[in-house]
Protein backbone atom coordinates (compact mmCIF):
# COMPACT_ATOMS: atom_id res chain seq x y z
CA MET A 1 -0.08 0.11 -0.15
CA VAL A 2 0.97 3.34 -0.93
CA ARG A 3 1.55 5.50 2.09
CA LYS A 4 1.32 9.35 2.22
CA PRO A 5 1.36 11.98 5.24
CA GLY A 6 -0.74 14.52 5.75
CA VAL A 7 -1.12 17.20 8.45
CA LEU A 8 -4.11 19.02 10.07
CA VAL A 9 -3.24 22.03 12.34
CA ILE A 10 -6.35 22.78 14.84
CA SER A 11 -6.97 26.13 16.27
CA HIS A 12 -10.00 27.22 18.24
CA GLY A 13 -11.45 29.59 16.12
CA SER A 14 -13.36 33.10 16.05
CA ARG A 15 -15.55 34.73 14.28
CA GLU A 16 -13.28 37.46 13.51
CA ALA A 17 -12.20 36.79 10.00
CA ASP A 18 -9.14 38.93 10.41
CA TRP A 19 -8.10 35.92 13.63
CA VAL A 20 -9.35 32.97 11.11
CA LYS A 21 -7.17 34.63 8.62
CA LEU A 22 -3.85 35.19 10.43
CA VAL A 23 -4.46 31.15 11.72
CA ASP A 24 -4.74 30.43 7.43
CA GLU A 25 -1.71 32.65 6.48
CA ALA A 26 0.64 30.82 8.77
CA VAL A 27 -0.80 27.40 7.75
CA GLY A 28 -0.28 28.18 4.09
CA ALA A 29 3.30 29.68 4.73
CA VAL A 30 3.80 26.34 6.32
CA HIS A 31 2.78 23.99 3.39
CA LYS A 32 4.51 25.74 0.85
CA SER A 33 7.85 25.61 2.67
CA LEU A 34 7.98 21.74 3.39
CA LYS A 35 9.77 20.01 0.99
CA PRO A 36 8.45 16.40 -1.00
CA PHE A 37 7.98 13.61 1.19
CA GLY A 38 9.94 10.77 -0.26
CA ALA A 39 12.28 12.70 -2.04
CA ALA A 40 15.59 10.36 -2.30
CA VAL A 41 14.63 7.33 -4.53
CA ARG A 42 16.39 3.91 -4.26
CA GLU A 43 15.92 0.63 -5.90
CA SER A 44 16.33 -1.22 -3.06
CA ASN A 45 13.61 1.19 -0.98
CA PRO A 46 11.82 3.04 -3.60
CA LYS A 47 9.85 6.03 -1.72
CA PRO A 48 6.61 7.52 -3.17
CA ILE A 49 7.24 11.51 -3.97
CA GLY A 50 4.59 13.83 -3.19
CA THR A 51 3.88 17.08 -1.54
CA VAL A 52 2.51 16.29 1.93
CA PRO A 53 -0.99 18.39 2.27
CA VAL A 54 -1.66 20.83 5.09
CA VAL A 55 -5.22 21.84 6.26
CA SER A 56 -6.22 24.19 9.01
CA ALA A 57 -9.00 23.27 10.99
CA PHE A 58 -11.03 24.79 13.61
CA LEU A 59 -12.72 23.54 17.17
CA GLU A 60 -15.90 25.72 16.85
CA ILE A 61 -17.64 28.82 14.99
CA VAL A 62 -15.70 28.33 11.62
CA GLU A 63 -18.80 26.38 9.68
CA GLY A 64 -17.79 24.18 7.23
CA ARG A 65 -13.99 24.01 8.37
CA LEU A 66 -14.30 22.56 11.58
CA ILE A 67 -11.88 19.39 12.68
CA GLN A 68 -13.85 16.59 11.47
CA ASP A 69 -13.98 18.61 8.04
CA GLY A 70 -10.21 18.60 7.81
CA ILE A 71 -10.00 14.86 8.38
CA ASP A 72 -12.40 14.37 5.63
CA GLN A 73 -10.43 16.47 3.15
CA LEU A 74 -7.45 14.59 4.34
CA GLU A 75 -8.94 11.25 3.91
CA ALA A 76 -10.17 12.10 0.33
CA GLU A 77 -6.52 13.24 -0.91
CA GLY A 78 -5.38 9.86 0.02
CA VAL A 79 -3.72 10.23 3.50
CA THR A 80 -3.03 7.25 5.50
CA GLU A 81 -0.25 8.62 8.04
CA LEU A 82 -2.06 12.08 9.65
CA TYR A 83 -0.04 14.35 12.07
CA VAL A 84 -2.71 16.31 14.36
CA LEU A 85 -1.01 18.91 15.40
CA PRO A 86 -2.48 21.45 17.91
CA LEU A 87 -1.96 25.21 17.24
CA PHE A 88 -2.75 26.28 21.41
CA VAL A 89 -0.28 28.14 23.30
CA SER A 90 -0.81 25.65 26.50
CA SER A 91 -1.27 22.07 27.26
CA GLY A 92 -2.75 23.02 29.92
CA SER A 93 -5.89 23.93 27.72
CA THR A 94 -9.44 21.94 28.43
CA HIS A 95 -9.78 22.31 24.45
CA VAL A 96 -6.38 20.44 23.61
CA ASP A 97 -7.94 17.56 25.97
CA ASP A 98 -10.65 17.20 24.45
CA ILE A 99 -9.94 16.87 20.78
CA ALA A 100 -6.81 14.49 22.20
CA GLN A 101 -9.90 12.40 23.44
CA ALA A 102 -11.79 12.68 20.52
CA PHE A 103 -8.69 10.74 18.26
CA GLY A 104 -8.46 8.17 20.87
CA ALA A 105 -5.93 9.64 23.45
CA GLN A 106 -5.97 9.39 26.87
CA PRO A 107 -7.94 12.10 28.81
CA VAL A 108 -5.18 14.51 30.84
CA SER A 109 -7.40 13.85 34.28
CA ALA A 110 -9.04 10.39 34.68
CA ALA A 111 -11.49 12.78 36.64
CA ARG A 112 -12.67 14.41 33.48
CA ARG A 113 -14.22 13.13 30.02
CA GLY A 114 -13.95 15.11 27.11
CA GLU A 115 -16.82 17.47 25.51
CA LEU A 116 -16.41 16.38 22.05
CA ALA A 117 -17.88 12.87 20.55
CA PRO A 118 -14.94 10.85 18.57
CA PHE A 119 -13.87 12.28 15.64
CA ARG A 120 -14.70 9.69 11.98
CA VAL A 121 -11.40 8.35 10.94
CA GLY A 122 -10.38 6.23 7.85
CA ALA A 123 -10.09 2.19 8.87
CA GLY A 124 -6.51 2.92 7.03
CA MET A 125 -5.73 5.87 8.46
CA SER A 126 -2.79 6.32 11.52
CA VAL A 127 -2.90 9.21 13.71
CA ARG A 128 -0.49 11.12 15.58
CA PHE A 129 -1.26 13.59 17.97
CA GLY A 130 1.61 16.21 18.54
CA LEU A 131 1.64 18.76 21.03
CA PRO A 132 0.82 22.44 21.71
CA ILE A 133 3.39 25.66 22.17
CA ASP A 134 4.23 25.52 25.69
CA ASP A 135 7.46 26.34 26.57
CA ASP A 136 9.84 27.03 23.12
CA ALA A 137 13.04 28.82 22.69
CA ASP A 138 11.43 29.98 19.63
CA ILE A 139 8.42 31.55 21.30
CA ALA A 140 10.58 33.22 23.70
CA GLU A 141 12.57 35.06 20.73
CA LEU A 142 8.69 35.99 19.36
CA LEU A 143 7.30 37.48 22.87
CA LEU A 144 10.77 39.36 23.17
CA GLY A 145 10.37 40.87 19.47
CA ASN A 146 6.81 41.70 20.89
CA ILE A 147 7.33 43.70 23.22
CA ALA A 148 10.98 45.27 22.54
CA GLU A 149 9.05 49.02 21.63
CA LEU A 150 8.02 48.76 24.93
CA SER A 151 11.29 48.52 26.53
CA SER A 152 14.07 50.84 27.47
CA ALA A 153 15.92 50.10 30.47
CA PRO A 154 15.81 45.87 30.73
CA ALA A 155 17.91 45.65 34.05
CA ARG A 156 14.89 47.79 35.62
CA GLU A 157 11.77 46.09 34.28
CA ARG A 158 10.28 43.31 34.95
CA LEU A 159 7.71 40.94 32.97
CA LEU A 160 4.28 39.49 33.51
CA LEU A 161 2.90 37.27 31.53
CA VAL A 162 -0.91 36.53 31.07
CA ALA A 163 -2.24 33.99 29.48
CA HIS A 164 -6.22 32.42 29.66
CA GLY A 165 -5.03 29.87 32.10
CA SER A 166 -7.69 27.37 33.99
CA ARG A 167 -9.59 26.44 37.44
CA GLU A 168 -8.50 22.98 37.08
CA ALA A 169 -6.18 21.69 38.83
CA VAL A 170 -4.11 19.31 36.50
CA PHE A 171 -4.46 21.42 33.76
CA HIS A 172 -3.90 24.94 36.51
CA GLY A 173 -0.55 23.53 36.92
CA ARG A 174 0.14 22.31 33.47
CA TRP A 175 -0.25 26.36 32.50
CA ARG A 176 1.96 27.28 35.24
CA SER A 177 5.06 25.06 33.70
CA GLY A 178 4.91 26.27 30.75
CA MET A 179 4.13 29.88 31.43
CA GLY A 180 7.05 29.58 33.49
CA GLN A 181 9.44 28.22 31.46
CA LEU A 182 8.71 30.56 28.92
CA ALA A 183 8.88 33.88 31.17
CA ALA A 184 12.01 32.92 32.20
CA ARG A 185 13.19 32.12 29.03
CA VAL A 186 12.21 35.56 28.05
CA ARG A 187 13.53 37.15 31.00
CA GLU A 188 16.83 35.73 30.13
CA LEU A 189 17.34 36.53 26.68
CA GLY A 190 16.24 40.32 27.51
CA GLY A 191 18.47 41.01 30.31
CA PHE A 192 15.23 42.18 32.43
CA ALA A 193 15.07 42.47 36.27
CA GLY A 194 12.30 40.17 36.48
CA ALA A 195 9.58 37.78 34.71
CA ASP A 196 5.91 36.09 36.11
CA ILE A 197 2.93 34.59 35.19
CA ALA A 198 -0.85 35.37 35.85
CA MET A 199 -3.61 34.08 34.13
CA LEU A 200 -7.12 35.24 33.75
CA LEU A 201 -8.99 32.17 34.79
CA PRO A 202 -8.60 32.28 37.77
CA ASN A 203 -8.67 35.95 38.06
CA GLN A 204 -4.59 36.66 38.88
CA ALA A 205 -3.89 39.63 36.91
CA ALA A 206 -4.41 42.39 39.01
CA CYS A 207 -3.85 40.67 42.23
CA LYS A 208 -0.12 39.75 40.93
CA LEU A 209 0.65 43.00 39.19
CA ARG A 210 -0.35 44.93 42.47
CA ALA A 211 2.02 42.49 44.83
CA LEU A 212 4.77 42.57 42.34
CA GLN A 213 4.68 46.56 42.02
CA ARG A 214 4.55 47.14 45.90
CA ARG A 215 7.25 44.45 46.12
CA TYR A 216 9.53 45.90 43.69
CA GLU A 217 8.86 49.41 43.86
CA GLY A 218 11.16 51.68 41.21
CA ASP A 219 10.92 49.00 38.68
CA SER A 220 9.14 49.45 35.44
CA PHE A 221 6.34 46.21 34.18
CA LEU A 222 5.86 44.74 30.64
CA VAL A 223 2.16 42.99 30.42
CA VAL A 224 2.73 40.43 28.26
CA PRO A 225 -0.17 38.69 26.16
CA LEU A 226 0.07 34.93 25.37
CA PHE A 227 -2.67 34.44 22.75
CA LEU A 228 -2.52 33.38 19.67
CA SER A 229 -3.91 36.18 17.85
CA GLU A 230 -5.30 39.86 18.93
CA GLY A 231 -9.07 39.95 19.84
CA TYR A 232 -11.40 40.22 22.56
CA PHE A 233 -8.71 39.05 25.37
CA THR A 234 -5.33 41.13 24.30
CA ARG A 235 -7.92 44.46 23.33
CA THR A 236 -10.58 44.43 26.43
CA VAL A 237 -9.92 41.92 28.85
CA ILE A 238 -6.45 42.52 30.14
CA PRO A 239 -6.50 45.85 29.57
CA GLY A 240 -10.13 45.85 32.03
CA ARG A 241 -8.43 43.46 34.00
CA LEU A 242 -5.62 46.10 34.85
CA GLU A 243 -7.34 49.41 34.94
CA GLY A 244 -6.04 51.77 37.33
CA LEU A 245 -2.58 49.87 37.44
CA ASP A 246 0.74 51.37 35.70
CA TYR A 247 2.48 49.42 33.00
CA ARG A 248 3.72 49.31 29.79
CA TYR A 249 1.36 47.24 27.05
CA ASN A 250 0.74 47.03 23.46
CA GLY A 251 -1.62 44.26 22.93
CA ARG A 252 0.68 42.18 20.54
CA ALA A 253 -0.14 38.19 20.22
CA LEU A 254 1.59 35.59 18.57
CA LEU A 255 0.41 36.09 15.20
CA PRO A 256 1.25 37.39 12.89
CA ASN A 257 5.23 36.20 13.37
CA PRO A 258 7.09 33.59 10.89
CA TYR A 259 8.48 32.17 14.48
CA ILE A 260 4.86 30.93 14.82
CA VAL A 261 5.50 29.18 10.93
CA ARG A 262 8.66 28.14 12.14
CA TRP A 263 7.50 26.33 15.32
CA MET A 264 4.92 24.28 13.15
CA GLU A 265 7.85 23.64 10.34
CA ARG A 266 9.75 21.96 13.13
CA GLN A 267 7.13 19.86 14.78
CA ILE A 268 6.19 18.33 11.27
CA GLU A 269 9.53 17.84 9.75
CA SER A 270 10.48 16.33 13.04
CA TRP A 271 7.24 13.68 12.66
CA LEU A 272 8.08 13.52 8.54
CA ARG A 273 11.73 12.43 10.11
CA GLU A 274 10.09 9.96 12.09
CA GLY A 275 8.43 7.96 9.46
CA ASP A 276 11.57 8.36 6.67
CA ALA A 277 9.73 4.92 5.19
CA TRP A 278 7.52 7.37 3.24
């Protein structure tokens, strides 16, 4: 049987057309950059040559382009080996757990069942589920670039990374772990005096920032949103939660940025190398 790899990049989805467009553009750039699979053909081990289809799908909202639609599209293109890449900020997202369970993975927490019905996957298609961003060196570089315009004296500046978060213990711990390591990377890269984290769920941002400002009087604070794309949370929720506090903020999110494209390329190419028998 001819084996063919394919990639399904899954993100949350939004009612904002610009949000969806940014994701699609990043996924499209990845598709164009991937080398043909099986490019080396040997008599002893002939390999098919072809492009790797990469499809962008959404958990909700974007009708006609939901996860099952993406699976069906790739199956129609003859894909037999499917790599599912969750384009989410953290493995602490319950959405990531829902999606993984719907593909047959074990739940992160035994006490929590996924909220999605199992996906229909063709009998001849195997599935490998990838990992979301969490802590990544490229993303640390991305965040440092996002806040470069806000920084003038890093040795007297402190960072506060703010992300969505979760109240559920296991997922909260995953958020804390990934965010904490990412904050430490950005602090070291930029030479900042310190870096801390806060979540919107539970509502920690204002309390954390006030406490840090009392502790480090005289230092300036840069608030860094950890969201895939600009939107309601970066433009409204974070400024609203921090109203009345003194901080620097530009609301820049992870997209658009070539580092996100690079992150996806690395995950996909690593998977393709593992399946070099294609």
